[in-house]
Amino acid sequence: MSRRYYGYYEYFPPSRPREAKGGIKAQSKRGGFGESWWAKRWIAVLESFNIGARLGRGRSYARSGQVLNIAIARGAVSADVQGSRPKPYSVKIKVKTLSEKEWKKIAAALAGQAIFAARLLNGEMPNDIEAAFKAAGFSLFPEKLKDLETGCSCPDWSNPCKHIAAVYYLLGEEFDRDPFLIFKLRGMERDAFMSLLCGAGAESDTCKPRGRKKEKASSADTSPAPEPTSASPSPELPTSEPLVTNPTTFWKGAGLPADLFGEVSTPAIDAPLPKRLGAIPFWRADTRFLDAIEPFYKRASEKGLQLFIGDTGVAAD
């Protein structure tokens, strides 16, 4: 690969990456990445670094599936990105975490505001939570370049490079699926934060009710428990229908009532379970998971109904 030297830096001309099979593909095909405000806020942090054309190449890498895998831990992200060389490049992103003491202070501040606590405990990210963090003296998102430490094994001197940018964009889309990942990158797991909220006095059905302690029996109360009297009626056992003694009915069964299944129809909502579970993390296909799976649920429901009503033509399909 030819290199050009400018001062103390090496300039690497744009290169064409090798084809990556089975990589993570961005769901965004054009325009910006991320739909929620917190996803866009994360992308804005990257774009504030002013790395020029590498942002465009990073978006191209994210959309073409050059990122092979992404692992998210507390305060750290690691990924492998397929570039122009045979061996994928290793990307590391470290985010400055908040201490346990700082998170407790944040939880106490949020627990005092009912709307914040209720939405957080319901699994939602409030729109004004970033302002609430700042009011408590902290920032939810990294604000300065020193709050982020990024590295890549590629030979490009720029940091972030296009490989880091690609991972950044995919993380932005993942924040749409799970907004609490930004909490994890700042050092706090979602369940642990919920416990902090409840411990700080947040009131919600999610928090376990603080029931009254069971009172101990008074030492002065020594009266024995009342004995059951013979006049107390004994509970009656439920009656059951006698077993059928006809061998033919036993082995072959009897006719079923016409209304055994009630009204049968196709579901009002296609693919209700996948929609309830949400998108799959870092989906690798060109089409969104729910968009891909919903037509199959719809067709299966229609075929199942036709089979139920006895449409013999369905068997050929």
C-alpha atoms as a PDB file:
ATOM      1  CA  MET A   1       0.000   0.000   0.000  1.00  0.00           C
ATOM      2  CA  SER A   2       1.426   3.386  -0.952  1.00  0.00           C
ATOM      3  CA  ARG A   3       1.817   5.994   1.763  1.00  0.00           C
ATOM      4  CA  ARG A   4       2.191   9.740   1.729  1.00  0.00           C
ATOM      5  CA  TYR A   5       3.849  11.646   4.538  1.00  0.00           C
ATOM      6  CA  TYR A   6       2.636  14.969   5.859  1.00  0.00           C
ATOM      7  CA  GLY A   7       4.811  16.258   8.692  1.00  0.00           C
ATOM      8  CA  TYR A   8       4.852  13.640  11.431  1.00  0.00           C
ATOM      9  CA  TYR A   9       1.804  11.766  10.157  1.00  0.00           C
ATOM     10  CA  GLU A  10       1.327   9.059   7.597  1.00  0.00           C
ATOM     11  CA  TYR A  11      -1.548   9.448   5.142  1.00  0.00           C
ATOM     12  CA  PHE A  12      -3.158   6.240   3.861  1.00  0.00           C
ATOM     13  CA  PRO A  13      -5.219   6.693   0.687  1.00  0.00           C
ATOM     14  CA  PRO A  14      -8.722   5.176   0.704  1.00  0.00           C
ATOM     15  CA  SER A  15      -8.696   1.410   0.191  1.00  0.00           C
ATOM     16  CA  ARG A  16     -11.401  -1.068  -0.665  1.00  0.00           C
ATOM     17  CA  PRO A  17     -12.293  -3.432   2.217  1.00  0.00           C
ATOM     18  CA  ARG A  18     -12.485  -7.168   1.724  1.00  0.00           C
ATOM     19  CA  GLU A  19     -15.952  -8.671   1.537  1.00  0.00           C
ATOM     20  CA  ALA A  20     -17.198  -9.690   4.976  1.00  0.00           C
ATOM     21  CA  LYS A  21     -19.708 -12.521   5.266  1.00  0.00           C
ATOM     22  CA  GLY A  22     -22.174 -12.632   8.128  1.00  0.00           C
ATOM     23  CA  GLY A  23     -21.274  -9.188   9.453  1.00  0.00           C
ATOM     24  CA  ILE A  24     -23.555  -6.832  11.370  1.00  0.00           C
ATOM     25  CA  LYS A  25     -25.443  -4.588   8.960  1.00  0.00           C
ATOM     26  CA  ALA A  26     -26.924  -1.257   9.931  1.00  0.00           C
ATOM     27  CA  GLN A  27     -30.682  -0.995   9.566  1.00  0.00           C
ATOM     28  CA  SER A  28     -30.284   2.556   8.295  1.00  0.00           C
ATOM     29  CA  LYS A  29     -29.775   2.488   4.525  1.00  0.00           C
ATOM     30  CA  ARG A  30     -29.374   6.236   4.022  1.00  0.00           C
ATOM     31  CA  GLY A  31     -29.338   9.433   6.009  1.00  0.00           C
ATOM     32  CA  GLY A  32     -28.644   9.533   9.731  1.00  0.00           C
ATOM     33  CA  PHE A  33     -28.244   6.686  12.193  1.00  0.00           C
ATOM     34  CA  GLY A  34     -30.573   6.103  15.120  1.00  0.00           C
ATOM     35  CA  GLU A  35     -34.164   7.227  15.626  1.00  0.00           C
ATOM     36  CA  SER A  36     -34.348   8.072  19.336  1.00  0.00           C
ATOM     37  CA  TRP A  37     -32.896  11.211  20.862  1.00  0.00           C
ATOM     38  CA  TRP A  38     -30.395   9.244  22.939  1.00  0.00           C
ATOM     39  CA  ALA A  39     -29.116   7.369  19.855  1.00  0.00           C
ATOM     40  CA  LYS A  40     -28.699  10.649  17.975  1.00  0.00           C
ATOM     41  CA  ARG A  41     -26.983  12.162  21.004  1.00  0.00           C
ATOM     42  CA  TRP A  42     -24.440   9.334  20.968  1.00  0.00           C
ATOM     43  CA  ILE A  43     -23.783   9.820  17.236  1.00  0.00           C
ATOM     44  CA  ALA A  44     -23.361  13.563  17.823  1.00  0.00           C
ATOM     45  CA  VAL A  45     -20.478  12.789  20.196  1.00  0.00           C
ATOM     46  CA  LEU A  46     -18.674  10.930  17.398  1.00  0.00           C
ATOM     47  CA  GLU A  47     -19.345  13.586  14.787  1.00  0.00           C
ATOM     48  CA  SER A  48     -18.049  16.302  17.117  1.00  0.00           C
ATOM     49  CA  PHE A  49     -14.542  14.839  16.774  1.00  0.00           C
ATOM     50  CA  ASN A  50     -14.286  16.322  13.276  1.00  0.00           C
ATOM     51  CA  ILE A  51     -12.599  13.362  11.558  1.00  0.00           C
ATOM     52  CA  GLY A  52     -13.782  14.392   8.091  1.00  0.00           C
ATOM     53  CA  ALA A  53     -14.178  11.800   5.332  1.00  0.00           C
ATOM     54  CA  ARG A  54     -13.621   8.928   7.759  1.00  0.00           C
ATOM     55  CA  LEU A  55     -17.169   9.470   9.020  1.00  0.00           C
ATOM     56  CA  GLY A  56     -18.555   8.745   5.560  1.00  0.00           C
ATOM     57  CA  ARG A  57     -16.413   5.631   5.189  1.00  0.00           C
ATOM     58  CA  GLY A  58     -17.432   4.540   8.677  1.00  0.00           C
ATOM     59  CA  ARG A  59     -21.108   4.797   7.692  1.00  0.00           C
ATOM     60  CA  SER A  60     -20.375   2.765   4.555  1.00  0.00           C
ATOM     61  CA  TYR A  61     -18.616   0.072   6.622  1.00  0.00           C
ATOM     62  CA  ALA A  62     -21.538  -0.087   9.057  1.00  0.00           C
ATOM     63  CA  ARG A  63     -24.094  -0.473   6.258  1.00  0.00           C
ATOM     64  CA  SER A  64     -22.145  -3.047   4.246  1.00  0.00           C
ATOM     65  CA  GLY A  65     -21.609  -5.407   7.199  1.00  0.00           C
ATOM     66  CA  GLN A  66     -17.857  -4.940   7.669  1.00  0.00           C
ATOM     67  CA  VAL A  67     -18.231  -5.088  11.472  1.00  0.00           C
ATOM     68  CA  LEU A  68     -18.021  -8.787  12.313  1.00  0.00           C
ATOM     69  CA  ASN A  69     -18.952  -8.686  16.001  1.00  0.00           C
ATOM     70  CA  ILE A  70     -19.478  -6.299  18.907  1.00  0.00           C
ATOM     71  CA  ALA A  71     -19.220  -7.056  22.641  1.00  0.00           C
ATOM     72  CA  ILE A  72     -20.439  -4.527  25.217  1.00  0.00           C
ATOM     73  CA  ALA A  73     -19.207  -4.577  28.818  1.00  0.00           C
ATOM     74  CA  ARG A  74     -19.319  -2.032  31.626  1.00  0.00           C
ATOM     75  CA  GLY A  75     -17.425   0.951  30.315  1.00  0.00           C
ATOM     76  CA  ALA A  76     -15.954  -0.849  27.322  1.00  0.00           C
ATOM     77  CA  VAL A  77     -16.768  -2.007  23.797  1.00  0.00           C
ATOM     78  CA  SER A  78     -14.709  -4.416  21.705  1.00  0.00           C
ATOM     79  CA  ALA A  79     -15.262  -5.320  18.056  1.00  0.00           C
ATOM     80  CA  ASP A  80     -13.651  -6.884  15.003  1.00  0.00           C
ATOM     81  CA  VAL A  81     -13.911  -5.021  11.715  1.00  0.00           C
ATOM     82  CA  GLN A  82     -12.960  -6.463   8.326  1.00  0.00           C
ATOM     83  CA  GLY A  83     -10.814  -4.011   6.409  1.00  0.00           C
ATOM     84  CA  SER A  84      -8.596  -4.323   3.356  1.00  0.00           C
ATOM     85  CA  ARG A  85      -6.192  -6.787   4.978  1.00  0.00           C
ATOM     86  CA  PRO A  86      -6.930 -10.495   5.498  1.00  0.00           C
ATOM     87  CA  LYS A  87      -6.931 -10.243   9.299  1.00  0.00           C
ATOM     88  CA  PRO A  88      -9.806  -8.168  10.746  1.00  0.00           C
ATOM     89  CA  TYR A  89      -8.863  -5.103  12.752  1.00  0.00           C
ATOM     90  CA  SER A  90      -9.478  -5.046  16.492  1.00  0.00           C
ATOM     91  CA  VAL A  91     -11.405  -2.037  17.794  1.00  0.00           C
ATOM     92  CA  LYS A  92     -11.531  -0.961  21.445  1.00  0.00           C
ATOM     93  CA  ILE A  93     -13.692   1.817  22.874  1.00  0.00           C
ATOM     94  CA  LYS A  94     -13.501   2.724  26.558  1.00  0.00           C
ATOM     95  CA  VAL A  95     -15.965   5.117  28.146  1.00  0.00           C
ATOM     96  CA  LYS A  96     -15.260   6.940  31.401  1.00  0.00           C
ATOM     97  CA  THR A  97     -17.495   5.349  34.036  1.00  0.00           C
ATOM     98  CA  LEU A  98     -19.188   6.936  37.014  1.00  0.00           C
ATOM     99  CA  SER A  99     -18.430   5.610  40.481  1.00  0.00           C
ATOM    100  CA  GLU A 100     -20.912   3.766  42.696  1.00  0.00           C
ATOM    101  CA  LYS A 101     -21.154   6.829  44.924  1.00  0.00           C
ATOM    102  CA  GLU A 102     -21.934   9.047  41.933  1.00  0.00           C
ATOM    103  CA  TRP A 103     -24.626   6.656  40.676  1.00  0.00           C
ATOM    104  CA  LYS A 104     -26.246   6.651  44.130  1.00  0.00           C
ATOM    105  CA  LYS A 105     -26.381  10.432  44.043  1.00  0.00           C
ATOM    106  CA  ILE A 106     -27.954  10.312  40.576  1.00  0.00           C
ATOM    107  CA  ALA A 107     -30.520   7.713  41.688  1.00  0.00           C
ATOM    108  CA  ALA A 108     -31.473   9.850  44.699  1.00  0.00           C
ATOM    109  CA  ALA A 109     -31.984  12.886  42.458  1.00  0.00           C
ATOM    110  CA  LEU A 110     -34.107  10.952  39.936  1.00  0.00           C
ATOM    111  CA  ALA A 111     -36.122   9.140  42.624  1.00  0.00           C
ATOM    112  CA  GLY A 112     -37.252  12.526  43.930  1.00  0.00           C
ATOM    113  CA  GLN A 113     -38.900  13.311  40.585  1.00  0.00           C
ATOM    114  CA  ALA A 114     -41.886  11.021  40.134  1.00  0.00           C
ATOM    115  CA  ILE A 115     -42.058  11.266  36.331  1.00  0.00           C
ATOM    116  CA  PHE A 116     -38.417  10.268  35.900  1.00  0.00           C
ATOM    117  CA  ALA A 117     -38.605   7.388  38.365  1.00  0.00           C
ATOM    118  CA  ALA A 118     -41.861   6.034  36.923  1.00  0.00           C
ATOM    119  CA  ARG A 119     -40.631   6.013  33.330  1.00  0.00           C
ATOM    120  CA  LEU A 120     -37.237   4.554  34.197  1.00  0.00           C
ATOM    121  CA  LEU A 121     -38.790   1.775  36.280  1.00  0.00           C
ATOM    122  CA  ASN A 122     -41.107   1.092  33.339  1.00  0.00           C
ATOM    123  CA  GLY A 123     -38.095   0.558  31.080  1.00  0.00           C
ATOM    124  CA  GLU A 124     -38.336   3.889  29.269  1.00  0.00           C
ATOM    125  CA  MET A 125     -35.767   6.644  28.844  1.00  0.00           C
ATOM    126  CA  PRO A 126     -37.244  10.055  29.793  1.00  0.00           C
ATOM    127  CA  ASN A 127     -36.658  12.850  27.299  1.00  0.00           C
ATOM    128  CA  ASP A 128     -35.241  15.246  29.894  1.00  0.00           C
ATOM    129  CA  ILE A 129     -33.048  12.764  31.741  1.00  0.00           C
ATOM    130  CA  GLU A 130     -29.856  14.357  30.427  1.00  0.00           C
ATOM    131  CA  ALA A 131     -30.881  17.646  32.048  1.00  0.00           C
ATOM    132  CA  ALA A 132     -31.612  15.772  35.268  1.00  0.00           C
ATOM    133  CA  PHE A 133     -28.111  14.268  35.194  1.00  0.00           C
ATOM    134  CA  LYS A 134     -26.586  17.711  34.747  1.00  0.00           C
ATOM    135  CA  ALA A 135     -28.701  19.114  37.580  1.00  0.00           C
ATOM    136  CA  ALA A 136     -27.150  16.437  39.808  1.00  0.00           C
ATOM    137  CA  GLY A 137     -23.690  17.497  38.641  1.00  0.00           C
ATOM    138  CA  PHE A 138     -23.009  14.721  36.116  1.00  0.00           C
ATOM    139  CA  SER A 139     -23.364  13.922  32.421  1.00  0.00           C
ATOM    140  CA  LEU A 140     -25.118  10.895  30.968  1.00  0.00           C
ATOM    141  CA  PHE A 141     -23.112  11.050  27.731  1.00  0.00           C
ATOM    142  CA  PRO A 142     -19.380  11.626  27.362  1.00  0.00           C
ATOM    143  CA  GLU A 143     -18.815  15.360  26.970  1.00  0.00           C
ATOM    144  CA  LYS A 144     -15.084  15.620  26.344  1.00  0.00           C
ATOM    145  CA  LEU A 145     -12.642  13.721  24.199  1.00  0.00           C
ATOM    146  CA  LYS A 146     -10.834  12.541  27.329  1.00  0.00           C
ATOM    147  CA  ASP A 147     -14.054  10.795  28.441  1.00  0.00           C
ATOM    148  CA  LEU A 148     -13.504   8.344  25.574  1.00  0.00           C
ATOM    149  CA  GLU A 149     -10.495   6.193  24.830  1.00  0.00           C
ATOM    150  CA  THR A 150     -10.518   4.556  21.405  1.00  0.00           C
ATOM    151  CA  GLY A 151      -8.042   2.341  19.619  1.00  0.00           C
ATOM    152  CA  CYS A 152      -7.793   0.249  16.452  1.00  0.00           C
ATOM    153  CA  SER A 153      -5.139  -2.159  15.201  1.00  0.00           C
ATOM    154  CA  CYS A 154      -5.288  -0.659  11.698  1.00  0.00           C
ATOM    155  CA  PRO A 155      -2.329   1.418  10.431  1.00  0.00           C
ATOM    156  CA  ASP A 156      -4.393   4.627  10.090  1.00  0.00           C
ATOM    157  CA  TRP A 157      -3.020   7.359  12.373  1.00  0.00           C
ATOM    158  CA  SER A 158      -6.428   9.010  12.777  1.00  0.00           C
ATOM    159  CA  ASN A 159      -8.253   8.191  15.987  1.00  0.00           C
ATOM    160  CA  PRO A 160     -11.147   7.588  15.609  1.00  0.00           C
ATOM    161  CA  CYS A 161     -10.569   5.887  12.273  1.00  0.00           C
ATOM    162  CA  LYS A 162     -13.258   4.596   9.909  1.00  0.00           C
ATOM    163  CA  HIS A 163     -13.317   1.216  11.673  1.00  0.00           C
ATOM    164  CA  ILE A 164     -14.023   2.859  15.041  1.00  0.00           C
ATOM    165  CA  ALA A 165     -16.612   5.104  13.375  1.00  0.00           C
ATOM    166  CA  ALA A 166     -18.419   2.048  11.950  1.00  0.00           C
ATOM    167  CA  VAL A 167     -18.695   0.509  15.433  1.00  0.00           C
ATOM    168  CA  TYR A 168     -19.889   3.848  16.812  1.00  0.00           C
ATOM    169  CA  TYR A 169     -22.718   4.042  14.285  1.00  0.00           C
ATOM    170  CA  LEU A 170     -23.873   0.503  15.014  1.00  0.00           C
ATOM    171  CA  LEU A 171     -23.844   1.256  18.742  1.00  0.00           C
ATOM    172  CA  GLY A 172     -26.118   4.212  18.036  1.00  0.00           C
ATOM    173  CA  GLU A 173     -28.660   1.916  16.406  1.00  0.00           C
ATOM    174  CA  GLU A 174     -28.359  -0.526  19.297  1.00  0.00           C
ATOM    175  CA  PHE A 175     -29.253   2.281  21.698  1.00  0.00           C
ATOM    176  CA  ASP A 176     -32.595   2.496  19.879  1.00  0.00           C
ATOM    177  CA  ARG A 177     -33.282  -1.103  20.888  1.00  0.00           C
ATOM    178  CA  ASP A 178     -31.974  -0.813  24.454  1.00  0.00           C
ATOM    179  CA  PRO A 179     -31.496   2.762  25.722  1.00  0.00           C
ATOM    180  CA  PHE A 180     -30.028   1.497  29.001  1.00  0.00           C
ATOM    181  CA  LEU A 181     -26.857   0.417  27.207  1.00  0.00           C
ATOM    182  CA  ILE A 182     -25.588   3.964  27.718  1.00  0.00           C
ATOM    183  CA  PHE A 183     -25.994   3.360  31.472  1.00  0.00           C
ATOM    184  CA  LYS A 184     -23.897   0.209  31.091  1.00  0.00           C
ATOM    185  CA  LEU A 185     -21.193   2.084  29.234  1.00  0.00           C
ATOM    186  CA  ARG A 186     -21.152   4.609  32.058  1.00  0.00           C
ATOM    187  CA  GLY A 187     -20.625   1.787  34.551  1.00  0.00           C
ATOM    188  CA  MET A 188     -24.101   0.808  35.747  1.00  0.00           C
ATOM    189  CA  GLU A 189     -26.202  -2.219  34.763  1.00  0.00           C
ATOM    190  CA  ARG A 190     -29.910  -1.624  34.282  1.00  0.00           C
ATOM    191  CA  ASP A 191     -31.122  -3.942  37.060  1.00  0.00           C
ATOM    192  CA  ALA A 192     -28.590  -2.529  39.508  1.00  0.00           C
ATOM    193  CA  PHE A 193     -29.781   1.003  38.752  1.00  0.00           C
ATOM    194  CA  MET A 194     -33.400  -0.015  39.288  1.00  0.00           C
ATOM    195  CA  SER A 195     -32.413  -1.315  42.720  1.00  0.00           C
ATOM    196  CA  LEU A 196     -30.742   2.009  43.468  1.00  0.00           C
ATOM    197  CA  LEU A 197     -33.902   3.864  42.455  1.00  0.00           C
ATOM    198  CA  CYS A 198     -36.073   1.702  44.693  1.00  0.00           C
ATOM    199  CA  GLY A 199     -33.594   2.045  47.544  1.00  0.00           C
ATOM    200  CA  ALA A 200     -33.670   5.831  47.133  1.00  0.00           C
ATOM    201  CA  GLY A 201     -37.412   5.864  47.756  1.00  0.00           C
ATOM    202  CA  ALA A 202     -38.897   5.713  44.260  1.00  0.00           C
ATOM    203  CA  GLU A 203     -42.507   4.554  44.355  1.00  0.00           C
ATOM    204  CA  SER A 204     -43.596   2.101  41.685  1.00  0.00           C
ATOM    205  CA  ASP A 205     -45.151  -1.324  41.270  1.00  0.00           C
ATOM    206  CA  THR A 206     -41.694  -2.427  40.117  1.00  0.00           C
ATOM    207  CA  CYS A 207     -40.255  -1.734  43.568  1.00  0.00           C
ATOM    208  CA  LYS A 208     -41.059  -4.372  46.147  1.00  0.00           C
ATOM    209  CA  PRO A 209     -43.516  -3.049  48.708  1.00  0.00           C
ATOM    210  CA  ARG A 210     -42.081  -2.521  52.134  1.00  0.00           C
ATOM    211  CA  GLY A 211     -44.543  -4.537  54.185  1.00  0.00           C
ATOM    212  CA  ARG A 212     -44.913  -4.323  57.939  1.00  0.00           C
ATOM    213  CA  LYS A 213     -42.702  -6.572  59.937  1.00  0.00           C
ATOM    214  CA  LYS A 214     -44.423  -9.520  61.479  1.00  0.00           C
ATOM    215  CA  GLU A 215     -45.110  -8.735  65.127  1.00  0.00           C
ATOM    216  CA  LYS A 216     -43.713 -11.130  67.638  1.00  0.00           C
ATOM    217  CA  ALA A 217     -46.150 -12.807  69.975  1.00  0.00           C
ATOM    218  CA  SER A 218     -46.336 -11.162  73.375  1.00  0.00           C
ATOM    219  CA  SER A 219     -44.804 -13.163  76.207  1.00  0.00           C
ATOM    220  CA  ALA A 220     -47.869 -12.355  78.315  1.00  0.00           C
ATOM    221  CA  ASP A 221     -50.175 -14.018  75.819  1.00  0.00           C
ATOM    222  CA  THR A 222     -49.935 -17.685  76.838  1.00  0.00           C
ATOM    223  CA  SER A 223     -53.466 -18.802  75.971  1.00  0.00           C
ATOM    224  CA  PRO A 224     -53.457 -21.970  73.850  1.00  0.00           C
ATOM    225  CA  ALA A 225     -54.872 -22.061  70.379  1.00  0.00           C
ATOM    226  CA  PRO A 226     -58.568 -23.015  70.299  1.00  0.00           C
ATOM    227  CA  GLU A 227     -59.235 -26.708  69.758  1.00  0.00           C
ATOM    228  CA  PRO A 228     -61.456 -27.630  66.822  1.00  0.00           C
ATOM    229  CA  THR A 229     -64.958 -28.571  67.958  1.00  0.00           C
ATOM    230  CA  SER A 230     -66.964 -31.510  66.738  1.00  0.00           C
ATOM    231  CA  ALA A 231     -69.646 -29.089  65.622  1.00  0.00           C
ATOM    232  CA  SER A 232     -67.314 -27.622  62.996  1.00  0.00           C
ATOM    233  CA  PRO A 233     -68.434 -28.892  59.584  1.00  0.00           C
ATOM    234  CA  SER A 234     -65.845 -30.772  57.579  1.00  0.00           C
ATOM    235  CA  PRO A 235     -65.203 -29.535  54.024  1.00  0.00           C
ATOM    236  CA  GLU A 236     -66.962 -31.515  51.358  1.00  0.00           C
ATOM    237  CA  LEU A 237     -64.829 -33.155  48.682  1.00  0.00           C
ATOM    238  CA  PRO A 238     -65.658 -32.151  45.098  1.00  0.00           C
ATOM    239  CA  THR A 239     -67.707 -34.707  43.246  1.00  0.00           C
ATOM    240  CA  SER A 240     -66.547 -36.090  39.897  1.00  0.00           C
ATOM    241  CA  GLU A 241     -68.317 -37.826  37.075  1.00  0.00           C
ATOM    242  CA  PRO A 242     -68.006 -41.626  37.046  1.00  0.00           C
ATOM    243  CA  LEU A 243     -65.552 -43.166  34.604  1.00  0.00           C
ATOM    244  CA  VAL A 244     -66.911 -44.512  31.344  1.00  0.00           C
ATOM    245  CA  THR A 245     -67.055 -48.288  31.373  1.00  0.00           C
ATOM    246  CA  ASN A 246     -67.619 -48.732  27.648  1.00  0.00           C
ATOM    247  CA  PRO A 247     -64.336 -50.122  26.150  1.00  0.00           C
ATOM    248  CA  THR A 248     -65.172 -48.844  22.658  1.00  0.00           C
ATOM    249  CA  THR A 249     -65.622 -45.273  23.887  1.00  0.00           C
ATOM    250  CA  PHE A 250     -62.445 -45.557  25.969  1.00  0.00           C
ATOM    251  CA  TRP A 251     -60.215 -46.616  23.048  1.00  0.00           C
ATOM    252  CA  LYS A 252     -61.838 -44.723  20.180  1.00  0.00           C
ATOM    253  CA  GLY A 253     -63.152 -41.690  22.021  1.00  0.00           C
ATOM    254  CA  ALA A 254     -66.457 -39.935  21.724  1.00  0.00           C
ATOM    255  CA  GLY A 255     -67.640 -37.096  19.583  1.00  0.00           C
ATOM    256  CA  LEU A 256     -66.490 -33.590  20.509  1.00  0.00           C
ATOM    257  CA  PRO A 257     -68.981 -30.779  21.081  1.00  0.00           C
ATOM    258  CA  ALA A 258     -69.283 -28.336  18.195  1.00  0.00           C
ATOM    259  CA  ASP A 259     -68.318 -25.317  20.323  1.00  0.00           C
ATOM    260  CA  LEU A 260     -65.292 -26.948  21.978  1.00  0.00           C
ATOM    261  CA  PHE A 261     -62.812 -24.365  20.562  1.00  0.00           C
ATOM    262  CA  GLY A 262     -65.150 -21.385  20.589  1.00  0.00           C
ATOM    263  CA  GLU A 263     -64.697 -18.759  17.895  1.00  0.00           C
ATOM    264  CA  VAL A 264     -61.596 -19.408  15.777  1.00  0.00           C
ATOM    265  CA  SER A 265     -59.964 -16.623  13.759  1.00  0.00           C
ATOM    266  CA  THR A 266     -56.537 -15.358  12.755  1.00  0.00           C
ATOM    267  CA  PRO A 267     -54.755 -13.124  15.325  1.00  0.00           C
ATOM    268  CA  ALA A 268     -55.523  -9.411  15.229  1.00  0.00           C
ATOM    269  CA  ILE A 269     -51.768  -8.672  15.373  1.00  0.00           C
ATOM    270  CA  ASP A 270     -49.211 -10.571  13.304  1.00  0.00           C
ATOM    271  CA  ALA A 271     -46.104 -11.880  15.120  1.00  0.00           C
ATOM    272  CA  PRO A 272     -47.200 -10.690  18.578  1.00  0.00           C
ATOM    273  CA  LEU A 273     -44.454 -12.544  20.478  1.00  0.00           C
ATOM    274  CA  PRO A 274     -41.478 -11.258  18.424  1.00  0.00           C
ATOM    275  CA  LYS A 275     -42.933  -7.759  18.616  1.00  0.00           C
ATOM    276  CA  ARG A 276     -43.178  -8.075  22.387  1.00  0.00           C
ATOM    277  CA  LEU A 277     -39.588  -9.308  22.647  1.00  0.00           C
ATOM    278  CA  GLY A 278     -38.295  -6.526  20.396  1.00  0.00           C
ATOM    279  CA  ALA A 279     -35.489  -6.433  17.862  1.00  0.00           C
ATOM    280  CA  ILE A 280     -32.592  -8.867  17.991  1.00  0.00           C
ATOM    281  CA  PRO A 281     -29.295  -7.262  19.092  1.00  0.00           C
ATOM    282  CA  PHE A 282     -26.978  -6.414  16.188  1.00  0.00           C
ATOM    283  CA  TRP A 283     -29.125  -8.010  13.477  1.00  0.00           C
ATOM    284  CA  ARG A 284     -27.024  -9.219  10.531  1.00  0.00           C
ATOM    285  CA  ALA A 285     -29.469  -9.276   7.610  1.00  0.00           C
ATOM    286  CA  ASP A 286     -30.381  -6.534   5.149  1.00  0.00           C
ATOM    287  CA  THR A 287     -34.045  -6.533   6.250  1.00  0.00           C
ATOM    288  CA  ARG A 288     -35.173  -5.702   9.777  1.00  0.00           C
ATOM    289  CA  PHE A 289     -35.958  -8.810  11.799  1.00  0.00           C
ATOM    290  CA  LEU A 290     -39.594  -7.929  12.486  1.00  0.00           C
ATOM    291  CA  ASP A 291     -40.148  -6.943   8.850  1.00  0.00           C
ATOM    292  CA  ALA A 292     -38.700 -10.307   7.759  1.00  0.00           C
ATOM    293  CA  ILE A 293     -40.585 -12.519  10.226  1.00  0.00           C
ATOM    294  CA  GLU A 294     -44.029 -10.845  10.181  1.00  0.00           C
ATOM    295  CA  PRO A 295     -45.104 -12.159   6.711  1.00  0.00           C
ATOM    296  CA  PHE A 296     -44.345 -15.740   7.828  1.00  0.00           C
ATOM    297  CA  TYR A 297     -46.555 -15.383  10.896  1.00  0.00           C
ATOM    298  CA  LYS A 298     -49.352 -13.954   8.757  1.00  0.00           C
ATOM    299  CA  ARG A 299     -49.180 -16.780   6.196  1.00  0.00           C
ATOM    300  CA  ALA A 300     -48.940 -19.442   8.914  1.00  0.00           C
ATOM    301  CA  SER A 301     -52.047 -18.047  10.642  1.00  0.00           C
ATOM    302  CA  GLU A 302     -54.025 -18.071   7.399  1.00  0.00           C
ATOM    303  CA  LYS A 303     -52.920 -21.636   6.514  1.00  0.00           C
ATOM    304  CA  GLY A 304     -53.675 -22.839  10.033  1.00  0.00           C
ATOM    305  CA  LEU A 305     -57.199 -21.445   9.876  1.00  0.00           C
ATOM    306  CA  GLN A 306     -57.790 -23.070   6.491  1.00  0.00           C
ATOM    307  CA  LEU A 307     -56.605 -26.423   7.829  1.00  0.00           C
ATOM    308  CA  PHE A 308     -58.852 -26.060  10.863  1.00  0.00           C
ATOM    309  CA  ILE A 309     -61.969 -25.448   8.816  1.00  0.00           C
ATOM    310  CA  GLY A 310     -61.133 -28.442   6.617  1.00  0.00           C
ATOM    311  CA  ASP A 311     -59.819 -26.817   3.441  1.00  0.00           C
ATOM    312  CA  THR A 312     -58.190 -29.857   1.804  1.00  0.00           C
ATOM    313  CA  GLY A 313     -56.405 -27.717  -0.795  1.00  0.00           C
ATOM    314  CA  VAL A 314     -54.009 -26.389   1.834  1.00  0.00           C
ATOM    315  CA  ALA A 315     -52.199 -29.721   2.107  1.00  0.00           C
ATOM    316  CA  ALA A 316     -50.728 -29.239  -1.378  1.00  0.00           C
ATOM    317  CA  ASP A 317     -48.960 -26.037  -0.191  1.00  0.00           C
END
